[in-house]
C-alpha atoms as a PDB file:
ATOM      1  CA  MET A   1     -24.915  79.714  67.604  1.00  0.00           C
ATOM      2  CA  LYS A   2     -22.684  82.941  67.827  1.00  0.00           C
ATOM      3  CA  LEU A   3     -23.620  85.014  64.077  1.00  0.00           C
ATOM      4  CA  ASP A   4     -22.542  88.572  63.300  1.00  0.00           C
ATOM      5  CA  ILE A   5     -22.454  90.103  60.195  1.00  0.00           C
ATOM      6  CA  GLY A   6     -19.062  88.607  59.077  1.00  0.00           C
ATOM      7  CA  SER A   7     -20.223  84.597  59.603  1.00  0.00           C
ATOM      8  CA  THR A   8     -19.326  82.564  56.606  1.00  0.00           C
ATOM      9  CA  THR A   9     -19.731  78.878  56.627  1.00  0.00           C
ATOM     10  CA  VAL A  10     -17.134  76.718  55.440  1.00  0.00           C
ATOM     11  CA  LEU A  11     -18.095  74.843  51.769  1.00  0.00           C
ATOM     12  CA  ALA A  12     -17.390  71.159  50.597  1.00  0.00           C
ATOM     13  CA  ASN A  13     -13.884  72.440  49.158  1.00  0.00           C
ATOM     14  CA  GLY A  14     -12.819  74.610  52.253  1.00  0.00           C
ATOM     15  CA  VAL A  15     -13.783  78.172  50.783  1.00  0.00           C
ATOM     16  CA  LYS A  16     -15.312  79.675  53.374  1.00  0.00           C
ATOM     17  CA  MET A  17     -18.412  82.107  52.201  1.00  0.00           C
ATOM     18  CA  PRO A  18     -20.417  84.588  53.857  1.00  0.00           C
ATOM     19  CA  LEU A  19     -24.401  83.255  55.419  1.00  0.00           C
ATOM     20  CA  LEU A  20     -25.588  86.574  54.632  1.00  0.00           C
ATOM     21  CA  GLY A  21     -25.531  88.324  51.375  1.00  0.00           C
ATOM     22  CA  LEU A  22     -27.238  91.455  49.122  1.00  0.00           C
ATOM     23  CA  GLY A  23     -29.502  90.052  46.550  1.00  0.00           C
ATOM     24  CA  VAL A  24     -29.681  92.206  43.365  1.00  0.00           C
ATOM     25  CA  PHE A  25     -32.671  90.489  41.670  1.00  0.00           C
ATOM     26  CA  LYS A  26     -34.837  93.285  39.997  1.00  0.00           C
ATOM     27  CA  SER A  27     -32.177  95.436  40.656  1.00  0.00           C
ATOM     28  CA  ALA A  28     -31.869  98.006  37.693  1.00  0.00           C
ATOM     29  CA  ASP A  29     -28.342  98.306  35.899  1.00  0.00           C
ATOM     30  CA  GLY A  30     -26.155 101.326  36.816  1.00  0.00           C
ATOM     31  CA  ASP A  31     -26.985 103.564  39.677  1.00  0.00           C
ATOM     32  CA  GLU A  32     -29.485 101.708  41.398  1.00  0.00           C
ATOM     33  CA  VAL A  33     -27.354  98.903  41.624  1.00  0.00           C
ATOM     34  CA  GLN A  34     -24.002 100.092  42.076  1.00  0.00           C
ATOM     35  CA  ASN A  35     -25.960 102.297  44.907  1.00  0.00           C
ATOM     36  CA  ALA A  36     -27.590  99.180  46.989  1.00  0.00           C
ATOM     37  CA  ILE A  37     -23.583  97.459  46.636  1.00  0.00           C
ATOM     38  CA  LYS A  38     -22.231 100.634  48.192  1.00  0.00           C
ATOM     39  CA  TYR A  39     -24.778 100.680  50.644  1.00  0.00           C
ATOM     40  CA  ALA A  40     -24.704  96.712  51.496  1.00  0.00           C
ATOM     41  CA  SER A  41     -20.490  97.279  51.552  1.00  0.00           C
ATOM     42  CA  ASP A  42     -20.873  99.923  54.540  1.00  0.00           C
ATOM     43  CA  ALA A  43     -22.587  97.924  56.275  1.00  0.00           C
ATOM     44  CA  GLY A  44     -20.546  95.298  55.902  1.00  0.00           C
ATOM     45  CA  TYR A  45     -22.189  92.408  53.734  1.00  0.00           C
ATOM     46  CA  ARG A  46     -18.975  90.976  51.551  1.00  0.00           C
ATOM     47  CA  LEU A  47     -21.730  88.525  49.494  1.00  0.00           C
ATOM     48  CA  ILE A  48     -23.085  90.330  46.297  1.00  0.00           C
ATOM     49  CA  ASP A  49     -25.435  87.906  44.318  1.00  0.00           C
ATOM     50  CA  THR A  50     -26.029  88.589  40.864  1.00  0.00           C
ATOM     51  CA  ALA A  51     -26.419  86.864  37.464  1.00  0.00           C
ATOM     52  CA  SER A  52     -26.622  87.358  33.985  1.00  0.00           C
ATOM     53  CA  VAL A  53     -30.159  87.404  33.568  1.00  0.00           C
ATOM     54  CA  TYR A  54     -30.807  90.175  35.791  1.00  0.00           C
ATOM     55  CA  GLY A  55     -29.223  92.740  33.288  1.00  0.00           C
ATOM     56  CA  ASN A  56     -26.970  94.263  35.838  1.00  0.00           C
ATOM     57  CA  GLU A  57     -23.439  92.570  35.716  1.00  0.00           C
ATOM     58  CA  LYS A  58     -21.943  95.492  34.486  1.00  0.00           C
ATOM     59  CA  GLY A  59     -23.343  97.725  37.290  1.00  0.00           C
ATOM     60  CA  VAL A  60     -22.145  95.061  39.994  1.00  0.00           C
ATOM     61  CA  GLY A  61     -18.560  95.250  38.518  1.00  0.00           C
ATOM     62  CA  GLU A  62     -18.375  98.916  38.365  1.00  0.00           C
ATOM     63  CA  ALA A  63     -19.700  99.068  42.349  1.00  0.00           C
ATOM     64  CA  ILE A  64     -17.363  96.766  42.928  1.00  0.00           C
ATOM     65  CA  SER A  65     -14.250  98.557  41.279  1.00  0.00           C
ATOM     66  CA  GLU A  66     -15.324 101.470  43.192  1.00  0.00           C
ATOM     67  CA  LEU A  67     -15.524  99.984  46.577  1.00  0.00           C
ATOM     68  CA  SER A  68     -12.725 100.526  49.135  1.00  0.00           C
ATOM     69  CA  VAL A  69     -13.147  96.325  50.357  1.00  0.00           C
ATOM     70  CA  PRO A  70     -10.213  94.643  48.720  1.00  0.00           C
ATOM     71  CA  ARG A  71     -11.400  91.908  45.858  1.00  0.00           C
ATOM     72  CA  GLU A  72      -9.820  89.314  48.158  1.00  0.00           C
ATOM     73  CA  GLU A  73     -12.826  89.895  51.279  1.00  0.00           C
ATOM     74  CA  LEU A  74     -15.153  89.962  48.571  1.00  0.00           C
ATOM     75  CA  PHE A  75     -17.429  86.707  47.688  1.00  0.00           C
ATOM     76  CA  VAL A  76     -19.126  87.038  44.319  1.00  0.00           C
ATOM     77  CA  THR A  77     -21.905  85.099  42.433  1.00  0.00           C
ATOM     78  CA  SER A  78     -23.235  84.536  39.076  1.00  0.00           C
ATOM     79  CA  LYS A  79     -25.643  82.355  37.570  1.00  0.00           C
ATOM     80  CA  VAL A  80     -25.599  81.207  33.992  1.00  0.00           C
ATOM     81  CA  TRP A  81     -29.151  81.460  32.747  1.00  0.00           C
ATOM     82  CA  ASN A  82     -31.419  78.808  30.194  1.00  0.00           C
ATOM     83  CA  SER A  83     -30.380  79.553  27.175  1.00  0.00           C
ATOM     84  CA  ASP A  84     -26.656  79.434  27.682  1.00  0.00           C
ATOM     85  CA  GLN A  85     -26.411  75.995  29.056  1.00  0.00           C
ATOM     86  CA  GLY A  86     -24.280  73.784  27.386  1.00  0.00           C
ATOM     87  CA  TYR A  87     -20.669  72.714  27.248  1.00  0.00           C
ATOM     88  CA  ASP A  88     -19.591  75.113  24.792  1.00  0.00           C
ATOM     89  CA  LYS A  89     -22.181  77.981  25.259  1.00  0.00           C
ATOM     90  CA  THR A  90     -21.729  77.857  29.278  1.00  0.00           C
ATOM     91  CA  LEU A  91     -17.765  78.937  28.533  1.00  0.00           C
ATOM     92  CA  GLN A  92     -18.648  81.621  26.455  1.00  0.00           C
ATOM     93  CA  ALA A  93     -21.433  82.544  29.233  1.00  0.00           C
ATOM     94  CA  PHE A  94     -18.679  82.588  31.966  1.00  0.00           C
ATOM     95  CA  ASP A  95     -16.545  84.583  30.090  1.00  0.00           C
ATOM     96  CA  LEU A  96     -18.713  87.403  28.827  1.00  0.00           C
ATOM     97  CA  SER A  97     -20.298  87.662  32.556  1.00  0.00           C
ATOM     98  CA  LEU A  98     -16.767  87.968  33.847  1.00  0.00           C
ATOM     99  CA  SER A  99     -15.726  90.686  31.105  1.00  0.00           C
ATOM    100  CA  LYS A 100     -18.984  92.740  32.179  1.00  0.00           C
ATOM    101  CA  LEU A 101     -18.095  92.182  36.196  1.00  0.00           C
ATOM    102  CA  LYS A 102     -14.861  93.101  35.330  1.00  0.00           C
ATOM    103  CA  LEU A 103     -13.400  90.279  37.483  1.00  0.00           C
ATOM    104  CA  ASP A 104     -10.414  87.756  37.105  1.00  0.00           C
ATOM    105  CA  TYR A 105     -12.129  85.608  38.789  1.00  0.00           C
ATOM    106  CA  LEU A 106     -15.522  84.434  40.452  1.00  0.00           C
ATOM    107  CA  ASP A 107     -16.027  83.430  44.090  1.00  0.00           C
ATOM    108  CA  MET A 108     -19.254  81.000  42.887  1.00  0.00           C
ATOM    109  CA  TYR A 109     -21.042  80.317  39.718  1.00  0.00           C
ATOM    110  CA  LEU A 110     -24.492  78.700  39.577  1.00  0.00           C
ATOM    111  CA  ILE A 111     -26.762  77.067  37.243  1.00  0.00           C
ATOM    112  CA  HIS A 112     -29.537  79.406  37.407  1.00  0.00           C
ATOM    113  CA  TRP A 113     -32.219  76.439  36.753  1.00  0.00           C
ATOM    114  CA  PRO A 114     -32.395  72.942  35.611  1.00  0.00           C
ATOM    115  CA  VAL A 115     -32.892  72.877  31.895  1.00  0.00           C
ATOM    116  CA  ASN A 116     -33.454  69.102  31.284  1.00  0.00           C
ATOM    117  CA  GLY A 117     -31.205  67.348  28.686  1.00  0.00           C
ATOM    118  CA  LYS A 118     -28.532  70.376  29.185  1.00  0.00           C
ATOM    119  CA  TYR A 119     -27.488  70.252  32.902  1.00  0.00           C
ATOM    120  CA  LEU A 120     -25.426  67.556  33.013  1.00  0.00           C
ATOM    121  CA  ASP A 121     -23.139  69.190  30.277  1.00  0.00           C
ATOM    122  CA  THR A 122     -23.459  72.800  31.687  1.00  0.00           C
ATOM    123  CA  TRP A 123     -21.364  71.450  34.962  1.00  0.00           C
ATOM    124  CA  LYS A 124     -19.097  69.590  33.212  1.00  0.00           C
ATOM    125  CA  ALA A 125     -18.420  73.274  31.903  1.00  0.00           C
ATOM    126  CA  MET A 126     -18.596  74.519  34.977  1.00  0.00           C
ATOM    127  CA  GLU A 127     -16.125  71.820  36.208  1.00  0.00           C
ATOM    128  CA  LYS A 128     -13.762  72.278  33.562  1.00  0.00           C
ATOM    129  CA  LEU A 129     -13.881  76.422  34.724  1.00  0.00           C
ATOM    130  CA  TYR A 130     -13.736  75.178  38.586  1.00  0.00           C
ATOM    131  CA  LYS A 131     -10.876  72.961  38.080  1.00  0.00           C
ATOM    132  CA  GLU A 132      -8.577  76.506  35.538  1.00  0.00           C
ATOM    133  CA  GLY A 133      -9.057  77.881  39.005  1.00  0.00           C
ATOM    134  CA  ARG A 134     -11.715  80.384  37.272  1.00  0.00           C
ATOM    135  CA  VAL A 135     -13.788  80.047  39.527  1.00  0.00           C
ATOM    136  CA  LYS A 136     -13.779  79.582  43.623  1.00  0.00           C
ATOM    137  CA  ALA A 137     -17.057  77.038  44.007  1.00  0.00           C
ATOM    138  CA  ILE A 138     -19.080  76.036  42.024  1.00  0.00           C
ATOM    139  CA  GLY A 139     -23.299  75.219  42.469  1.00  0.00           C
ATOM    140  CA  VAL A 140     -26.872  75.050  41.746  1.00  0.00           C
ATOM    141  CA  SER A 141     -29.939  76.921  41.670  1.00  0.00           C
ATOM    142  CA  ASN A 142     -33.094  75.533  41.869  1.00  0.00           C
ATOM    143  CA  PHE A 143     -32.163  71.762  42.099  1.00  0.00           C
ATOM    144  CA  LEU A 144     -33.742  68.996  43.134  1.00  0.00           C
ATOM    145  CA  GLN A 145     -32.946  66.483  44.671  1.00  0.00           C
ATOM    146  CA  HIS A 146     -33.003  63.713  42.001  1.00  0.00           C
ATOM    147  CA  GLN A 147     -31.322  66.380  40.079  1.00  0.00           C
ATOM    148  CA  LEU A 148     -28.588  66.964  42.204  1.00  0.00           C
ATOM    149  CA  GLU A 149     -28.118  62.956  42.401  1.00  0.00           C
ATOM    150  CA  ASP A 150     -27.865  63.254  38.490  1.00  0.00           C
ATOM    151  CA  ILE A 151     -24.905  65.552  38.649  1.00  0.00           C
ATOM    152  CA  ILE A 152     -23.421  63.645  41.465  1.00  0.00           C
ATOM    153  CA  ASP A 153     -23.846  60.099  39.945  1.00  0.00           C
ATOM    154  CA  ASN A 154     -22.417  61.407  36.428  1.00  0.00           C
ATOM    155  CA  THR A 155     -20.271  63.814  37.403  1.00  0.00           C
ATOM    156  CA  SER A 156     -16.794  64.245  39.163  1.00  0.00           C
ATOM    157  CA  VAL A 157     -17.569  66.953  41.170  1.00  0.00           C
ATOM    158  CA  ILE A 158     -20.545  67.711  43.951  1.00  0.00           C
ATOM    159  CA  PRO A 159     -22.173  70.775  43.956  1.00  0.00           C
ATOM    160  CA  MET A 160     -20.601  73.065  46.617  1.00  0.00           C
ATOM    161  CA  LEU A 161     -24.401  75.187  46.642  1.00  0.00           C
ATOM    162  CA  ASN A 162     -28.218  74.374  45.825  1.00  0.00           C
ATOM    163  CA  GLN A 163     -29.799  78.190  46.086  1.00  0.00           C
ATOM    164  CA  ILE A 164     -33.365  77.654  46.280  1.00  0.00           C
ATOM    165  CA  GLU A 165     -36.542  79.227  47.304  1.00  0.00           C
ATOM    166  CA  HIS A 166     -37.197  79.041  51.157  1.00  0.00           C
ATOM    167  CA  HIS A 167     -39.146  80.815  53.196  1.00  0.00           C
ATOM    168  CA  PRO A 168     -41.353  79.944  56.404  1.00  0.00           C
ATOM    169  CA  TRP A 169     -43.926  78.608  54.039  1.00  0.00           C
ATOM    170  CA  LEU A 170     -41.683  77.037  51.686  1.00  0.00           C
ATOM    171  CA  THR A 171     -39.281  75.344  53.882  1.00  0.00           C
ATOM    172  CA  GLN A 172     -38.476  71.687  51.747  1.00  0.00           C
ATOM    173  CA  PRO A 173     -37.409  70.240  54.506  1.00  0.00           C
ATOM    174  CA  ASP A 174     -36.308  67.175  52.628  1.00  0.00           C
ATOM    175  CA  LEU A 175     -34.792  68.835  49.762  1.00  0.00           C
ATOM    176  CA  VAL A 176     -32.688  70.401  52.560  1.00  0.00           C
ATOM    177  CA  SER A 177     -32.024  67.373  54.953  1.00  0.00           C
ATOM    178  CA  PHE A 178     -30.458  65.624  51.472  1.00  0.00           C
ATOM    179  CA  CYS A 179     -28.241  68.770  50.504  1.00  0.00           C
ATOM    180  CA  GLU A 180     -26.914  68.762  54.259  1.00  0.00           C
ATOM    181  CA  SER A 181     -26.123  65.116  53.710  1.00  0.00           C
ATOM    182  CA  ARG A 182     -24.107  65.637  50.661  1.00  0.00           C
ATOM    183  CA  LYS A 183     -22.142  68.416  52.055  1.00  0.00           C
ATOM    184  CA  ILE A 184     -24.225  70.859  49.886  1.00  0.00           C
ATOM    185  CA  GLN A 185     -24.740  74.293  51.292  1.00  0.00           C
ATOM    186  CA  VAL A 186     -28.130  75.457  50.956  1.00  0.00           C
ATOM    187  CA  GLN A 187     -28.800  79.545  50.096  1.00  0.00           C
ATOM    188  CA  ALA A 188     -32.343  80.760  50.508  1.00  0.00           C
ATOM    189  CA  TRP A 189     -33.269  83.216  47.551  1.00  0.00           C
ATOM    190  CA  ALA A 190     -36.663  85.379  48.319  1.00  0.00           C
ATOM    191  CA  PRO A 191     -36.319  84.479  51.855  1.00  0.00           C
ATOM    192  CA  LEU A 192     -38.847  87.529  52.678  1.00  0.00           C
ATOM    193  CA  MET A 193     -41.607  86.155  50.501  1.00  0.00           C
ATOM    194  CA  GLN A 194     -40.634  88.967  48.102  1.00  0.00           C
ATOM    195  CA  GLY A 195     -42.119  91.325  50.702  1.00  0.00           C
ATOM    196  CA  LYS A 196     -45.020  89.131  51.985  1.00  0.00           C
ATOM    197  CA  ILE A 197     -44.115  88.157  55.072  1.00  0.00           C
ATOM    198  CA  PHE A 198     -45.072  91.933  56.054  1.00  0.00           C
ATOM    199  CA  ASP A 199     -48.853  90.865  55.588  1.00  0.00           C
ATOM    200  CA  ILE A 200     -48.824  88.019  57.515  1.00  0.00           C
ATOM    201  CA  LYS A 201     -50.289  88.522  61.174  1.00  0.00           C
ATOM    202  CA  LEU A 202     -47.754  85.684  62.740  1.00  0.00           C
ATOM    203  CA  PHE A 203     -44.512  87.260  62.026  1.00  0.00           C
ATOM    204  CA  GLY A 204     -45.768  90.760  63.193  1.00  0.00           C
ATOM    205  CA  GLN A 205     -46.912  88.826  66.524  1.00  0.00           C
ATOM    206  CA  LEU A 206     -43.367  87.480  66.521  1.00  0.00           C
ATOM    207  CA  ALA A 207     -41.512  90.837  65.810  1.00  0.00           C
ATOM    208  CA  GLU A 208     -43.470  92.873  68.672  1.00  0.00           C
ATOM    209  CA  LYS A 209     -42.754  90.153  71.361  1.00  0.00           C
ATOM    210  CA  TYR A 210     -39.117  90.101  70.534  1.00  0.00           C
ATOM    211  CA  GLY A 211     -38.628  93.519  69.630  1.00  0.00           C
ATOM    212  CA  LYS A 212     -37.586  92.880  65.996  1.00  0.00           C
ATOM    213  CA  SER A 213     -39.479  93.031  62.770  1.00  0.00           C
ATOM    214  CA  PRO A 214     -40.931  90.638  60.311  1.00  0.00           C
ATOM    215  CA  ALA A 215     -37.504  90.502  58.078  1.00  0.00           C
ATOM    216  CA  HIS A 216     -35.208  89.863  61.384  1.00  0.00           C
ATOM    217  CA  ILE A 217     -37.479  86.840  62.650  1.00  0.00           C
ATOM    218  CA  VAL A 218     -37.324  85.244  59.245  1.00  0.00           C
ATOM    219  CA  ILE A 219     -33.789  86.011  58.322  1.00  0.00           C
ATOM    220  CA  ARG A 220     -32.540  85.294  61.783  1.00  0.00           C
ATOM    221  CA  TRP A 221     -34.526  81.976  61.324  1.00  0.00           C
ATOM    222  CA  ASN A 222     -32.790  80.534  58.219  1.00  0.00           C
ATOM    223  CA  LEU A 223     -30.165  81.539  60.021  1.00  0.00           C
ATOM    224  CA  GLN A 224     -30.289  79.454  62.285  1.00  0.00           C
ATOM    225  CA  LYS A 225     -30.985  76.596  60.728  1.00  0.00           C
ATOM    226  CA  GLY A 226     -27.599  76.958  58.786  1.00  0.00           C
ATOM    227  CA  ILE A 227     -29.117  78.204  55.610  1.00  0.00           C
ATOM    228  CA  ALA A 228     -27.479  81.511  54.002  1.00  0.00           C
ATOM    229  CA  VAL A 229     -29.486  84.174  52.609  1.00  0.00           C
ATOM    230  CA  ILE A 230     -29.402  86.891  50.413  1.00  0.00           C
ATOM    231  CA  PRO A 231     -32.371  89.351  50.832  1.00  0.00           C
ATOM    232  CA  LYS A 232     -32.891  91.628  48.337  1.00  0.00           C
ATOM    233  CA  SER A 233     -32.800  95.165  48.061  1.00  0.00           C
ATOM    234  CA  VAL A 234     -32.081  98.910  46.897  1.00  0.00           C
ATOM    235  CA  LYS A 235     -33.092 100.825  49.842  1.00  0.00           C
ATOM    236  CA  GLN A 236     -30.518 102.032  52.178  1.00  0.00           C
ATOM    237  CA  HIS A 237     -32.502 101.590  55.447  1.00  0.00           C
ATOM    238  CA  ARG A 238     -33.993  98.106  54.511  1.00  0.00           C
ATOM    239  CA  ILE A 239     -30.500  96.913  53.540  1.00  0.00           C
ATOM    240  CA  VAL A 240     -29.056  98.463  56.708  1.00  0.00           C
ATOM    241  CA  ASP A 241     -31.817  96.830  58.319  1.00  0.00           C
ATOM    242  CA  ASN A 242     -31.984  93.503  57.721  1.00  0.00           C
ATOM    243  CA  ALA A 243     -28.143  92.899  59.021  1.00  0.00           C
ATOM    244  CA  GLN A 244     -30.064  94.119  62.594  1.00  0.00           C
ATOM    245  CA  VAL A 245     -30.627  90.364  63.475  1.00  0.00           C
ATOM    246  CA  PHE A 246     -27.210  89.721  65.295  1.00  0.00           C
END
């Protein structure tokens, strides 16, 4: 598979999504997240993944407004938090996220976690946003197979993405296979096990064998499995280095 920093996956609705992106979980609002996005953009990243609960959507929006990259070349994801779920509250939460991000539309909007008794109504609100063209694609995060089946059986739009924790110590093969069978793209959060891969001897050995870093090994492993990745960092050298997998 020939991959590069601009490689994309085509979602079920035909929208192209970059395979590699920048996650901004725990990136402080203001200079920290703005600088991280600038470093990522300069390195060729075009996907930025945030969420309302991260508390940094304003900083993300500020950074995007200052980039020289055209908006249509960026892929911006945000997520509705648990306390904002339900039909009406989801619509309100989306409006607030869009306002903080200073954008006219989102490329991807996700349900952050499946809240029992609410995620179906949340999804129906997201279907409305999608059909109105206010978001290019909709998906979920941290959903298991039975919850995905619940959405598929009871609504009209199949999720285009399932963002899950995925790394060599948590591969979830049955869930990944199910998503592939339904054309639901899998995207890995915490692909580097929140830094723990650097403490695992095997990854050090593989990195030495191939002249790469443990991060390179794991990011490339995900990509070659067709799984999109959003490694998180605020340090310029790490953001740049995480993309050296092509």
